[in-house]
Amino acid sequence: PAAILGIPRAGFEPGDRADYALYPDEVTRIDASRLHAKCGWSPFEGLDAVFPKEVVIGGKRAYACGDYREACAAWYPGQGYLSRENKYYKADKAHL
């Protein structure tokens, strides 16, 4: 699919777009007070789920053990993937 869409392939080789998440074996009960939602509740409250311990985007840690880190987004809701060759990518990156 990456080749069809003209985006860099994801993978674990040098130069690949390393996007992945590491999940623990433990199951967590969803509690709205621990979620990041403005409304303060979740329709999933009380259900069991598995949450990632670490998320890597573009080879950089975006989330690790409850700590969010700034990552440069390449996917924007409603706009899709913005490649690094896109003239708007550099302008949009300036606000980060």
N, C-alpha and C. Protein backbone atom coordinates (compact mmCIF):
# COMPACT_ATOMS: atom_id res chain seq x y z
N PRO A 1 0.80 -1.22 0.00
CA PRO A 1 0.00 0.00 0.00
C PRO A 1 0.84 1.28 0.00
N ALA A 2 1.99 1.28 0.68
CA ALA A 2 2.82 2.50 0.72
C ALA A 2 3.27 2.88 -0.68
N ALA A 3 3.67 1.91 -1.49
CA ALA A 3 4.12 2.20 -2.85
C ALA A 3 2.98 2.75 -3.70
N ILE A 4 1.79 2.22 -3.53
CA ILE A 4 0.62 2.69 -4.28
C ILE A 4 0.30 4.13 -3.91
N LEU A 5 0.41 4.47 -2.63
CA LEU A 5 0.09 5.82 -2.16
C LEU A 5 1.25 6.79 -2.31
N GLY A 6 2.42 6.28 -2.66
CA GLY A 6 3.58 7.14 -2.85
C GLY A 6 4.18 7.66 -1.55
N ILE A 7 4.05 6.89 -0.47
CA ILE A 7 4.62 7.29 0.81
C ILE A 7 5.77 6.35 1.17
N PRO A 8 6.70 6.79 1.99
CA PRO A 8 7.81 5.91 2.37
C PRO A 8 7.30 4.67 3.11
N ARG A 9 7.90 3.54 2.82
CA ARG A 9 7.46 2.31 3.48
C ARG A 9 7.88 2.32 4.95
N ALA A 10 7.10 1.66 5.76
CA ALA A 10 7.43 1.53 7.18
C ALA A 10 8.22 0.24 7.36
N GLY A 11 9.11 0.23 8.32
CA GLY A 11 9.88 -0.96 8.57
C GLY A 11 10.91 -0.72 9.65
N PHE A 12 11.83 -1.66 9.78
CA PHE A 12 12.84 -1.58 10.83
C PHE A 12 14.26 -1.52 10.28
N GLU A 13 14.40 -1.31 8.99
CA GLU A 13 15.72 -1.18 8.38
C GLU A 13 16.15 0.29 8.42
N PRO A 14 17.46 0.57 8.39
CA PRO A 14 17.91 1.97 8.37
C PRO A 14 17.28 2.73 7.20
N GLY A 15 16.74 3.89 7.49
CA GLY A 15 16.09 4.71 6.47
C GLY A 15 14.59 4.48 6.36
N ASP A 16 14.08 3.41 6.98
CA ASP A 16 12.64 3.15 6.95
C ASP A 16 11.92 4.12 7.88
N ARG A 17 10.63 4.32 7.62
CA ARG A 17 9.78 5.19 8.44
C ARG A 17 9.29 4.38 9.64
N ALA A 18 10.05 4.28 10.67
CA ALA A 18 9.73 3.43 11.82
C ALA A 18 8.54 3.97 12.60
N ASP A 19 7.35 3.45 12.32
CA ASP A 19 6.13 3.79 13.06
C ASP A 19 5.63 2.49 13.70
N TYR A 20 5.66 2.42 15.01
CA TYR A 20 5.18 1.21 15.68
C TYR A 20 4.82 1.50 17.12
N ALA A 21 4.16 0.55 17.74
CA ALA A 21 3.80 0.66 19.16
C ALA A 21 4.12 -0.67 19.84
N LEU A 22 4.53 -0.58 21.10
CA LEU A 22 4.82 -1.77 21.91
C LEU A 22 3.71 -1.91 22.95
N TYR A 23 3.10 -3.09 22.99
CA TYR A 23 1.98 -3.33 23.90
C TYR A 23 2.38 -4.35 24.97
N PRO A 24 1.96 -4.14 26.21
CA PRO A 24 2.26 -5.10 27.28
C PRO A 24 1.28 -6.27 27.21
N ASP A 25 1.55 -7.29 28.00
CA ASP A 25 0.65 -8.44 28.10
C ASP A 25 -0.51 -8.18 29.05
N GLU A 26 -0.46 -7.08 29.79
CA GLU A 26 -1.48 -6.83 30.81
C GLU A 26 -2.72 -6.14 30.23
N VAL A 27 -3.86 -6.48 30.79
CA VAL A 27 -5.14 -5.88 30.41
C VAL A 27 -5.49 -4.83 31.46
N THR A 28 -5.99 -3.68 31.01
CA THR A 28 -6.35 -2.58 31.90
C THR A 28 -7.84 -2.28 31.76
N ARG A 29 -8.51 -2.06 32.86
CA ARG A 29 -9.91 -1.65 32.82
C ARG A 29 -9.96 -0.16 32.49
N ILE A 30 -10.78 0.22 31.50
CA ILE A 30 -10.87 1.61 31.08
C ILE A 30 -11.58 2.43 32.15
N ASP A 31 -10.92 3.51 32.56
CA ASP A 31 -11.44 4.44 33.56
C ASP A 31 -11.38 5.83 32.95
N ALA A 32 -12.51 6.48 32.78
CA ALA A 32 -12.57 7.78 32.11
C ALA A 32 -11.68 8.82 32.77
N SER A 33 -11.45 8.71 34.05
CA SER A 33 -10.61 9.70 34.74
C SER A 33 -9.15 9.62 34.30
N ARG A 34 -8.76 8.51 33.67
CA ARG A 34 -7.37 8.35 33.21
C ARG A 34 -7.21 8.61 31.72
N LEU A 35 -8.31 8.92 31.04
CA LEU A 35 -8.26 9.16 29.60
C LEU A 35 -8.11 10.65 29.32
N HIS A 36 -7.66 10.98 28.12
CA HIS A 36 -7.49 12.37 27.72
C HIS A 36 -8.69 12.78 26.87
N ALA A 37 -9.79 13.11 27.54
CA ALA A 37 -11.00 13.54 26.85
C ALA A 37 -11.58 14.75 27.56
N LYS A 38 -12.06 15.70 26.79
CA LYS A 38 -12.59 16.92 27.38
C LYS A 38 -13.92 16.69 28.10
N CYS A 39 -14.67 15.69 27.66
CA CYS A 39 -16.01 15.49 28.23
C CYS A 39 -15.99 14.84 29.61
N GLY A 40 -14.90 14.16 29.97
CA GLY A 40 -14.81 13.55 31.30
C GLY A 40 -15.47 12.19 31.43
N TRP A 41 -15.93 11.62 30.32
CA TRP A 41 -16.52 10.28 30.37
C TRP A 41 -16.16 9.54 29.07
N SER A 42 -16.40 8.25 29.06
CA SER A 42 -16.12 7.45 27.87
C SER A 42 -17.19 6.37 27.74
N PRO A 43 -17.69 6.11 26.54
CA PRO A 43 -18.63 5.01 26.36
C PRO A 43 -17.97 3.65 26.59
N PHE A 44 -16.65 3.63 26.66
CA PHE A 44 -15.91 2.39 26.85
C PHE A 44 -15.54 2.15 28.31
N GLU A 45 -15.96 3.03 29.20
CA GLU A 45 -15.63 2.90 30.62
C GLU A 45 -16.11 1.55 31.15
N GLY A 46 -15.23 0.89 31.89
CA GLY A 46 -15.54 -0.41 32.47
C GLY A 46 -15.13 -1.58 31.60
N LEU A 47 -14.81 -1.34 30.34
CA LEU A 47 -14.36 -2.42 29.46
C LEU A 47 -12.87 -2.64 29.63
N ASP A 48 -12.42 -3.83 29.30
CA ASP A 48 -11.00 -4.16 29.37
C ASP A 48 -10.33 -3.81 28.04
N ALA A 49 -9.09 -3.30 28.12
CA ALA A 49 -8.34 -2.92 26.92
C ALA A 49 -6.85 -3.08 27.18
N VAL A 50 -6.09 -3.04 26.11
CA VAL A 50 -4.64 -3.06 26.20
C VAL A 50 -4.13 -1.74 25.62
N PHE A 51 -3.39 -0.99 26.42
CA PHE A 51 -2.86 0.31 26.01
C PHE A 51 -1.37 0.19 25.73
N PRO A 52 -0.85 0.93 24.75
CA PRO A 52 0.58 0.84 24.45
C PRO A 52 1.44 1.40 25.57
N LYS A 53 2.60 0.78 25.75
CA LYS A 53 3.60 1.28 26.70
C LYS A 53 4.53 2.27 26.02
N GLU A 54 4.70 2.10 24.71
CA GLU A 54 5.59 2.99 23.96
C GLU A 54 5.08 3.11 22.53
N VAL A 55 5.14 4.33 21.98
CA VAL A 55 4.75 4.59 20.59
C VAL A 55 5.90 5.34 19.92
N VAL A 56 6.32 4.84 18.76
CA VAL A 56 7.39 5.46 17.99
C VAL A 56 6.80 5.92 16.66
N ILE A 57 7.01 7.20 16.33
CA ILE A 57 6.52 7.77 15.07
C ILE A 57 7.70 8.37 14.33
N GLY A 58 7.91 7.89 13.14
CA GLY A 58 9.04 8.40 12.35
C GLY A 58 10.38 8.14 13.00
N GLY A 59 10.48 7.07 13.77
CA GLY A 59 11.73 6.73 14.44
C GLY A 59 11.98 7.50 15.73
N LYS A 60 11.02 8.34 16.15
CA LYS A 60 11.17 9.12 17.38
C LYS A 60 10.07 8.73 18.37
N ARG A 61 10.45 8.63 19.64
CA ARG A 61 9.46 8.30 20.67
C ARG A 61 8.42 9.42 20.79
N ALA A 62 7.15 9.04 20.66
CA ALA A 62 6.06 10.00 20.83
C ALA A 62 5.39 9.80 22.17
N TYR A 63 5.49 8.58 22.71
CA TYR A 63 4.86 8.26 23.99
C TYR A 63 5.65 7.13 24.63
N ALA A 64 5.94 7.27 25.92
CA ALA A 64 6.64 6.20 26.63
C ALA A 64 6.24 6.24 28.10
N CYS A 65 5.65 5.15 28.57
CA CYS A 65 5.31 4.97 29.98
C CYS A 65 4.56 6.16 30.57
N GLY A 66 3.55 6.64 29.89
CA GLY A 66 2.73 7.73 30.41
C GLY A 66 3.23 9.11 30.10
N ASP A 67 4.36 9.22 29.41
CA ASP A 67 4.95 10.52 29.10
C ASP A 67 4.84 10.80 27.60
N TYR A 68 4.09 11.87 27.25
CA TYR A 68 3.97 12.27 25.85
C TYR A 68 5.15 13.15 25.47
N ARG A 69 5.65 12.92 24.28
CA ARG A 69 6.75 13.73 23.76
C ARG A 69 6.33 14.31 22.42
N GLU A 70 6.87 15.45 22.07
CA GLU A 70 6.51 16.08 20.81
C GLU A 70 7.06 15.26 19.65
N ALA A 71 6.19 14.95 18.71
CA ALA A 71 6.60 14.23 17.51
C ALA A 71 6.10 15.01 16.31
N CYS A 72 6.82 14.94 15.24
CA CYS A 72 6.43 15.65 14.03
C CYS A 72 5.40 14.81 13.29
N ALA A 73 4.19 15.31 13.20
CA ALA A 73 3.12 14.56 12.54
C ALA A 73 3.32 14.55 11.03
N ALA A 74 3.05 13.40 10.42
CA ALA A 74 3.06 13.29 8.97
C ALA A 74 1.66 12.98 8.47
N TRP A 75 0.76 12.68 9.39
CA TRP A 75 -0.63 12.37 9.05
C TRP A 75 -1.52 13.38 9.76
N TYR A 76 -2.36 14.04 9.02
CA TYR A 76 -3.25 15.04 9.57
C TYR A 76 -4.69 14.65 9.28
N PRO A 77 -5.56 14.54 10.30
CA PRO A 77 -6.95 14.17 10.06
C PRO A 77 -7.60 15.09 9.03
N GLY A 78 -8.26 14.49 8.07
CA GLY A 78 -8.94 15.25 7.03
C GLY A 78 -8.04 15.69 5.89
N GLN A 79 -6.72 15.58 6.08
CA GLN A 79 -5.78 16.00 5.04
C GLN A 79 -4.97 14.82 4.51
N GLY A 80 -4.87 13.77 5.30
CA GLY A 80 -4.09 12.62 4.89
C GLY A 80 -2.62 12.78 5.17
N TYR A 81 -1.83 12.03 4.45
CA TYR A 81 -0.38 12.00 4.66
C TYR A 81 0.26 13.17 3.92
N LEU A 82 1.11 13.91 4.58
CA LEU A 82 1.87 14.98 3.94
C LEU A 82 3.32 14.51 3.82
N SER A 83 3.76 14.28 2.60
CA SER A 83 5.12 13.79 2.41
C SER A 83 6.13 14.88 2.71
N ARG A 84 7.35 14.49 2.94
CA ARG A 84 8.40 15.45 3.25
C ARG A 84 8.74 16.31 2.03
N GLU A 85 8.36 15.86 0.85
CA GLU A 85 8.61 16.64 -0.36
C GLU A 85 7.50 17.67 -0.60
N ASN A 86 6.41 17.58 0.14
CA ASN A 86 5.28 18.49 -0.03
C ASN A 86 5.68 19.90 0.38
N LYS A 87 5.40 20.88 -0.47
CA LYS A 87 5.80 22.25 -0.18
C LYS A 87 5.11 22.80 1.07
N TYR A 88 3.96 22.24 1.44
CA TYR A 88 3.24 22.71 2.62
C TYR A 88 3.77 22.09 3.90
N TYR A 89 4.48 20.98 3.78
CA TYR A 89 4.99 20.28 4.96
C TYR A 89 5.93 21.17 5.76
N LYS A 90 6.87 21.81 5.10
CA LYS A 90 7.85 22.65 5.79
C LYS A 90 7.18 23.84 6.46
N ALA A 91 6.21 24.44 5.79
CA ALA A 91 5.51 25.59 6.37
C ALA A 91 4.71 25.16 7.58
N ASP A 92 4.08 23.98 7.50
CA ASP A 92 3.27 23.51 8.61
C ASP A 92 4.14 23.10 9.79
N LYS A 93 5.34 22.61 9.51
CA LYS A 93 6.26 22.15 10.55
C LYS A 93 6.79 23.31 11.39
N ALA A 94 6.73 24.51 10.86
CA ALA A 94 7.30 25.67 11.54
C ALA A 94 6.64 25.94 12.89
N HIS A 95 5.37 25.57 13.05
CA HIS A 95 4.68 25.85 14.31
C HIS A 95 5.02 24.85 15.41
N LEU A 96 5.72 23.76 15.08
CA LEU A 96 6.02 22.73 16.08
C LEU A 96 7.14 23.14 16.98
